[in-house]
């Protein structure tokens, strides 16, 4: 089992999870974080730290969508090991549905 970040993180990026991760397996994109599944040690300390419930077990990723997204972008985006300030407007996006389809940014050159 591993943990994954889903679209609830998009435009929120609160980063409480980054602060507690013992192996620094989070990677930062323009408007969300992902977890590198091969680095995650399945400790689970990040999951309860996320105030928007954006971290899930891969057992809860029914069709593998979030596993594929986390794998892909963890190989592209830079590693992050320290908490940063969230976007200033993060509160207004907290309960928005379908954020991946509406707001996801690859931030690839």
N, C-alpha and C. Protein backbone atom coordinates (compact mmCIF):
# COMPACT_ATOMS: atom_id res chain seq x y z
N UNK A 1 0.84 -1.19 0.00
CA UNK A 1 0.00 0.00 0.00
C UNK A 1 0.88 1.24 0.00
N UNK A 2 0.39 2.27 -0.65
CA UNK A 2 1.05 3.57 -0.65
C UNK A 2 -0.03 4.64 -0.52
N UNK A 3 0.37 5.85 -0.31
CA UNK A 3 -0.57 6.96 -0.23
C UNK A 3 -0.42 7.81 -1.47
N UNK A 4 -1.51 8.47 -1.83
CA UNK A 4 -1.58 9.27 -3.05
C UNK A 4 -2.29 10.58 -2.77
N UNK A 5 -2.02 11.56 -3.59
CA UNK A 5 -2.71 12.85 -3.50
C UNK A 5 -3.75 12.89 -4.62
N UNK A 6 -4.97 13.33 -4.28
CA UNK A 6 -6.01 13.45 -5.30
C UNK A 6 -6.32 14.92 -5.58
N UNK A 7 -7.36 15.17 -6.35
CA UNK A 7 -7.64 16.53 -6.81
C UNK A 7 -8.12 17.50 -5.74
N UNK A 8 -8.39 17.03 -4.54
CA UNK A 8 -8.77 17.96 -3.47
C UNK A 8 -7.61 18.89 -3.12
N UNK A 9 -6.41 18.51 -3.48
CA UNK A 9 -5.22 19.34 -3.22
C UNK A 9 -5.12 20.52 -4.19
N UNK A 10 -5.69 20.37 -5.37
CA UNK A 10 -5.55 21.40 -6.41
C UNK A 10 -6.08 22.74 -5.91
N UNK A 11 -5.23 23.74 -6.04
CA UNK A 11 -5.50 25.12 -5.64
C UNK A 11 -5.60 25.31 -4.13
N UNK A 12 -5.33 24.26 -3.36
CA UNK A 12 -5.31 24.38 -1.89
C UNK A 12 -3.86 24.31 -1.39
N UNK A 13 -3.18 23.22 -1.74
CA UNK A 13 -1.75 23.05 -1.42
C UNK A 13 -1.39 23.53 -0.02
N UNK A 14 -2.02 22.96 0.98
CA UNK A 14 -1.81 23.42 2.35
C UNK A 14 -0.50 22.94 2.97
N UNK A 15 0.03 21.84 2.51
CA UNK A 15 1.38 21.35 2.84
C UNK A 15 1.62 20.91 4.27
N UNK A 16 0.60 20.72 5.06
CA UNK A 16 0.78 20.17 6.40
C UNK A 16 1.39 18.77 6.28
N UNK A 17 1.07 18.07 5.21
CA UNK A 17 1.56 16.72 4.95
C UNK A 17 3.07 16.70 4.73
N UNK A 18 3.57 17.69 4.04
CA UNK A 18 5.00 17.77 3.74
C UNK A 18 5.81 17.86 5.02
N UNK A 19 5.30 18.61 5.95
CA UNK A 19 5.99 18.85 7.21
C UNK A 19 6.19 17.58 8.04
N UNK A 20 5.28 16.61 7.93
CA UNK A 20 5.37 15.41 8.75
C UNK A 20 5.96 14.20 8.04
N UNK A 21 6.16 14.28 6.75
CA UNK A 21 6.65 13.13 5.98
C UNK A 21 8.10 12.79 6.37
N UNK A 22 8.34 11.57 6.86
CA UNK A 22 9.69 11.21 7.28
C UNK A 22 10.65 10.90 6.13
N UNK A 23 10.13 10.71 4.91
CA UNK A 23 11.00 10.35 3.80
C UNK A 23 10.97 11.35 2.65
N UNK A 24 10.33 12.48 2.83
CA UNK A 24 10.30 13.53 1.81
C UNK A 24 9.88 13.01 0.44
N UNK A 25 8.71 12.37 0.39
CA UNK A 25 8.25 11.79 -0.88
C UNK A 25 7.22 12.66 -1.60
N UNK A 26 7.11 13.94 -1.21
CA UNK A 26 6.17 14.84 -1.87
C UNK A 26 6.88 15.65 -2.95
N UNK A 27 6.15 15.91 -4.03
CA UNK A 27 6.66 16.67 -5.16
C UNK A 27 5.66 17.77 -5.47
N UNK A 28 6.17 18.94 -5.85
CA UNK A 28 5.32 20.11 -5.97
C UNK A 28 5.14 20.57 -7.41
N UNK A 29 3.88 20.64 -7.80
CA UNK A 29 3.51 21.22 -9.08
C UNK A 29 2.99 22.63 -8.86
N UNK A 30 2.58 23.26 -9.93
CA UNK A 30 2.11 24.64 -9.85
C UNK A 30 0.93 24.79 -8.90
N UNK A 31 -0.03 23.85 -8.97
CA UNK A 31 -1.19 24.04 -8.11
C UNK A 31 -1.61 22.80 -7.32
N UNK A 32 -0.71 21.82 -7.20
CA UNK A 32 -0.98 20.67 -6.33
C UNK A 32 0.32 19.95 -6.00
N UNK A 33 0.23 19.04 -5.05
CA UNK A 33 1.34 18.17 -4.69
C UNK A 33 1.01 16.76 -5.15
N UNK A 34 2.05 15.93 -5.29
CA UNK A 34 1.87 14.50 -5.51
C UNK A 34 2.86 13.76 -4.62
N UNK A 35 2.59 12.48 -4.42
CA UNK A 35 3.47 11.60 -3.66
C UNK A 35 4.12 10.63 -4.64
N UNK A 36 5.42 10.42 -4.50
CA UNK A 36 6.09 9.42 -5.33
C UNK A 36 5.87 8.05 -4.68
N UNK A 37 5.04 7.21 -5.31
CA UNK A 37 4.68 5.93 -4.68
C UNK A 37 5.88 5.05 -4.33
N UNK A 38 6.92 5.07 -5.13
CA UNK A 38 8.09 4.22 -4.86
C UNK A 38 8.90 4.70 -3.66
N UNK A 39 8.70 5.93 -3.25
CA UNK A 39 9.42 6.47 -2.08
C UNK A 39 8.58 6.42 -0.81
N UNK A 40 7.28 6.40 -0.96
CA UNK A 40 6.37 6.38 0.20
C UNK A 40 6.59 5.08 0.98
N UNK A 41 6.74 5.21 2.29
CA UNK A 41 6.96 4.03 3.13
C UNK A 41 5.67 3.57 3.81
N UNK A 42 4.56 4.09 3.37
CA UNK A 42 3.24 3.66 3.85
C UNK A 42 3.03 3.89 5.34
N UNK A 43 3.68 4.89 5.90
CA UNK A 43 3.55 5.13 7.33
C UNK A 43 2.20 5.76 7.68
N UNK A 44 1.63 6.50 6.74
CA UNK A 44 0.31 7.07 6.95
C UNK A 44 0.24 8.34 7.77
N UNK A 45 1.37 8.90 8.17
CA UNK A 45 1.31 10.10 9.02
C UNK A 45 0.80 11.32 8.25
N UNK A 46 0.92 11.32 6.95
CA UNK A 46 0.47 12.46 6.16
C UNK A 46 -1.05 12.53 6.03
N UNK A 47 -1.69 11.39 5.96
CA UNK A 47 -3.13 11.35 5.68
C UNK A 47 -3.97 12.18 6.67
N UNK A 48 -3.82 11.99 7.97
CA UNK A 48 -4.65 12.79 8.89
C UNK A 48 -4.25 14.26 8.97
N UNK A 49 -3.07 14.61 8.47
CA UNK A 49 -2.62 16.00 8.52
C UNK A 49 -3.26 16.88 7.45
N UNK A 50 -3.81 16.27 6.43
CA UNK A 50 -4.39 17.05 5.33
C UNK A 50 -5.77 17.56 5.72
N UNK A 51 -5.94 18.87 5.85
CA UNK A 51 -7.23 19.43 6.26
C UNK A 51 -8.33 19.33 5.20
N UNK A 52 -7.96 18.99 3.96
CA UNK A 52 -8.96 18.88 2.90
C UNK A 52 -9.15 17.43 2.43
N UNK A 53 -8.57 16.49 3.15
CA UNK A 53 -8.70 15.06 2.82
C UNK A 53 -8.24 14.73 1.40
N UNK A 54 -7.14 15.31 0.99
CA UNK A 54 -6.62 15.09 -0.35
C UNK A 54 -5.67 13.90 -0.44
N UNK A 55 -5.36 13.28 0.69
CA UNK A 55 -4.45 12.13 0.68
C UNK A 55 -5.27 10.87 0.92
N UNK A 56 -5.09 9.91 0.01
CA UNK A 56 -5.83 8.66 0.09
C UNK A 56 -4.87 7.48 0.00
N UNK A 57 -5.34 6.36 0.48
CA UNK A 57 -4.61 5.10 0.31
C UNK A 57 -4.81 4.63 -1.13
N UNK A 58 -3.82 3.96 -1.68
CA UNK A 58 -4.01 3.44 -3.03
C UNK A 58 -5.14 2.41 -3.08
N UNK A 59 -5.51 1.85 -1.94
CA UNK A 59 -6.66 0.94 -1.88
C UNK A 59 -7.97 1.67 -2.18
N UNK A 60 -7.99 2.98 -1.98
CA UNK A 60 -9.18 3.79 -2.23
C UNK A 60 -9.18 4.42 -3.62
N UNK A 61 -8.16 4.11 -4.41
CA UNK A 61 -8.04 4.64 -5.77
C UNK A 61 -8.56 3.57 -6.72
N UNK A 62 -9.87 3.46 -6.80
CA UNK A 62 -10.54 2.35 -7.49
C UNK A 62 -10.04 2.06 -8.90
N UNK A 63 -9.80 3.07 -9.69
CA UNK A 63 -9.44 2.83 -11.08
C UNK A 63 -7.99 3.17 -11.38
N UNK A 64 -7.21 3.49 -10.36
CA UNK A 64 -5.80 3.76 -10.56
C UNK A 64 -5.47 5.12 -11.13
N UNK A 65 -6.47 5.98 -11.25
CA UNK A 65 -6.25 7.31 -11.81
C UNK A 65 -5.20 8.09 -11.02
N UNK A 66 -5.35 8.11 -9.69
CA UNK A 66 -4.45 8.94 -8.88
C UNK A 66 -3.07 8.31 -8.76
N UNK A 67 -2.98 6.99 -8.82
CA UNK A 67 -1.67 6.34 -8.84
C UNK A 67 -0.91 6.76 -10.08
N UNK A 68 -1.56 6.72 -11.23
CA UNK A 68 -0.92 7.12 -12.48
C UNK A 68 -0.49 8.58 -12.45
N UNK A 69 -1.35 9.45 -11.96
CA UNK A 69 -1.03 10.88 -11.89
C UNK A 69 0.12 11.14 -10.93
N UNK A 70 0.08 10.53 -9.75
CA UNK A 70 1.15 10.72 -8.77
C UNK A 70 2.48 10.20 -9.31
N UNK A 71 2.49 9.04 -9.94
CA UNK A 71 3.72 8.49 -10.52
C UNK A 71 4.29 9.42 -11.58
N UNK A 72 3.44 9.82 -12.51
CA UNK A 72 3.88 10.65 -13.63
C UNK A 72 4.51 11.96 -13.17
N UNK A 73 3.81 12.68 -12.31
CA UNK A 73 4.29 14.01 -11.96
C UNK A 73 5.38 14.01 -10.89
N UNK A 74 5.47 12.96 -10.09
CA UNK A 74 6.58 12.85 -9.14
C UNK A 74 7.90 12.67 -9.88
N UNK A 75 7.84 12.15 -11.09
CA UNK A 75 9.06 12.00 -11.89
C UNK A 75 9.44 13.29 -12.61
N UNK A 76 8.54 14.25 -12.64
CA UNK A 76 8.76 15.49 -13.40
C UNK A 76 8.96 16.69 -12.48
N UNK A 77 8.11 16.80 -11.47
CA UNK A 77 8.13 17.97 -10.59
C UNK A 77 9.23 17.86 -9.54
N UNK A 78 9.65 19.00 -8.98
CA UNK A 78 10.70 19.00 -7.95
C UNK A 78 10.21 18.48 -6.59
N UNK A 79 11.11 17.84 -5.90
CA UNK A 79 10.85 17.35 -4.55
C UNK A 79 10.68 18.53 -3.61
N UNK A 80 9.81 18.36 -2.64
CA UNK A 80 9.60 19.40 -1.63
C UNK A 80 9.71 18.75 -0.25
N UNK A 81 10.44 19.40 0.64
CA UNK A 81 10.63 18.82 1.97
C UNK A 81 10.28 19.79 3.10
N UNK A 82 9.90 21.01 2.74
CA UNK A 82 9.52 21.99 3.75
C UNK A 82 8.19 22.62 3.38
N UNK A 83 7.39 22.85 4.40
CA UNK A 83 6.08 23.47 4.22
C UNK A 83 6.23 24.91 3.75
N UNK A 84 5.41 25.28 2.78
CA UNK A 84 5.34 26.66 2.29
C UNK A 84 3.95 27.20 2.57
N UNK A 85 3.79 28.48 2.39
CA UNK A 85 2.47 29.09 2.56
C UNK A 85 1.54 28.63 1.44
N UNK A 86 0.27 28.40 1.76
CA UNK A 86 -0.69 28.01 0.73
C UNK A 86 -1.04 29.20 -0.15
N UNK A 87 -1.69 28.94 -1.28
CA UNK A 87 -2.16 30.05 -2.11
C UNK A 87 -3.10 30.94 -1.29
N UNK A 88 -3.06 32.21 -1.54
CA UNK A 88 -3.86 33.16 -0.74
C UNK A 88 -5.36 32.92 -0.88
N UNK A 89 -5.79 32.37 -2.01
CA UNK A 89 -7.22 32.17 -2.23
C UNK A 89 -7.65 30.71 -2.02
N UNK A 90 -6.86 29.94 -1.29
CA UNK A 90 -7.12 28.51 -1.16
C UNK A 90 -8.48 28.19 -0.53
N UNK A 91 -8.97 28.98 0.36
CA UNK A 91 -10.24 28.69 1.04
C UNK A 91 -11.42 28.62 0.06
N UNK A 92 -11.42 29.45 -0.96
CA UNK A 92 -12.56 29.44 -1.87
C UNK A 92 -12.59 28.21 -2.78
N UNK A 93 -11.50 27.44 -2.81
CA UNK A 93 -11.44 26.23 -3.63
C UNK A 93 -11.59 24.95 -2.81
N UNK A 94 -11.72 25.08 -1.52
CA UNK A 94 -11.72 23.93 -0.61
C UNK A 94 -12.77 22.87 -0.98
N UNK A 95 -13.97 23.27 -1.28
CA UNK A 95 -15.06 22.32 -1.53
C UNK A 95 -15.51 22.24 -2.99
N UNK A 96 -14.71 22.74 -3.88
CA UNK A 96 -15.05 22.70 -5.31
C UNK A 96 -14.90 21.27 -5.82
N UNK A 97 -15.87 20.83 -6.59
CA UNK A 97 -15.84 19.49 -7.18
C UNK A 97 -15.11 19.50 -8.52
N UNK A 98 -14.62 18.35 -8.94
CA UNK A 98 -13.99 18.17 -10.26
C UNK A 98 -12.84 19.14 -10.52
N UNK A 99 -12.03 19.35 -9.51
CA UNK A 99 -10.94 20.32 -9.66
C UNK A 99 -9.89 19.87 -10.67
N UNK A 100 -9.70 18.57 -10.83
CA UNK A 100 -8.70 18.10 -11.81
C UNK A 100 -9.10 18.56 -13.22
N UNK A 101 -10.33 18.34 -13.58
CA UNK A 101 -10.80 18.73 -14.91
C UNK A 101 -10.83 20.25 -15.09
N UNK A 102 -11.11 20.97 -14.04
CA UNK A 102 -11.25 22.43 -14.13
C UNK A 102 -9.94 23.20 -14.00
N UNK A 103 -9.04 22.75 -13.11
CA UNK A 103 -7.92 23.61 -12.72
C UNK A 103 -6.53 23.00 -12.79
N UNK A 104 -6.40 21.72 -13.07
CA UNK A 104 -5.08 21.11 -13.03
C UNK A 104 -4.13 21.76 -14.03
N UNK A 105 -2.88 21.97 -13.60
CA UNK A 105 -1.85 22.53 -14.46
C UNK A 105 -0.62 21.62 -14.40
N UNK A 106 -0.16 21.17 -15.56
CA UNK A 106 1.03 20.32 -15.60
C UNK A 106 2.28 21.11 -15.25
N UNK A 107 2.29 22.37 -15.54
CA UNK A 107 3.44 23.27 -15.43
C UNK A 107 4.71 22.67 -16.04
N UNK A 108 4.55 22.17 -17.24
CA UNK A 108 5.68 21.67 -18.02
C UNK A 108 6.03 22.72 -19.06
N UNK A 109 7.31 22.89 -19.28
CA UNK A 109 7.74 23.88 -20.27
C UNK A 109 7.56 23.35 -21.67
